[in-house]
Amino acid sequence: MVFLITMHCSFILLCWRN
């Protein structure tokens, strides 16, 4: 579960930074 949340946050951060 934690892994999923981390991946989700990472994905959003990447998109937001891009």
Protein backbone atom coordinates (compact mmCIF):
# COMPACT_ATOMS: atom_id res chain seq x y z
CA MET A 1 0.00 0.00 0.00
CA VAL A 2 2.78 2.45 0.92
CA PHE A 3 4.54 1.62 -2.33
CA LEU A 4 1.43 2.50 -4.32
CA ILE A 5 1.06 5.84 -2.55
CA THR A 6 4.74 6.64 -3.10
CA MET A 7 4.48 5.81 -6.78
CA HIS A 8 1.34 7.92 -7.10
CA CYS A 9 2.95 10.92 -5.42
CA SER A 10 6.10 10.52 -7.47
CA PHE A 11 4.08 10.40 -10.69
CA ILE A 12 2.16 13.56 -9.80
CA LEU A 13 5.34 15.37 -8.81
CA LEU A 14 6.99 14.40 -12.08
CA CYS A 15 4.02 15.59 -14.11
CA TRP A 16 3.74 18.79 -12.08
CA ARG A 17 7.45 19.57 -12.49
CA ASN A 18 7.25 18.80 -16.18
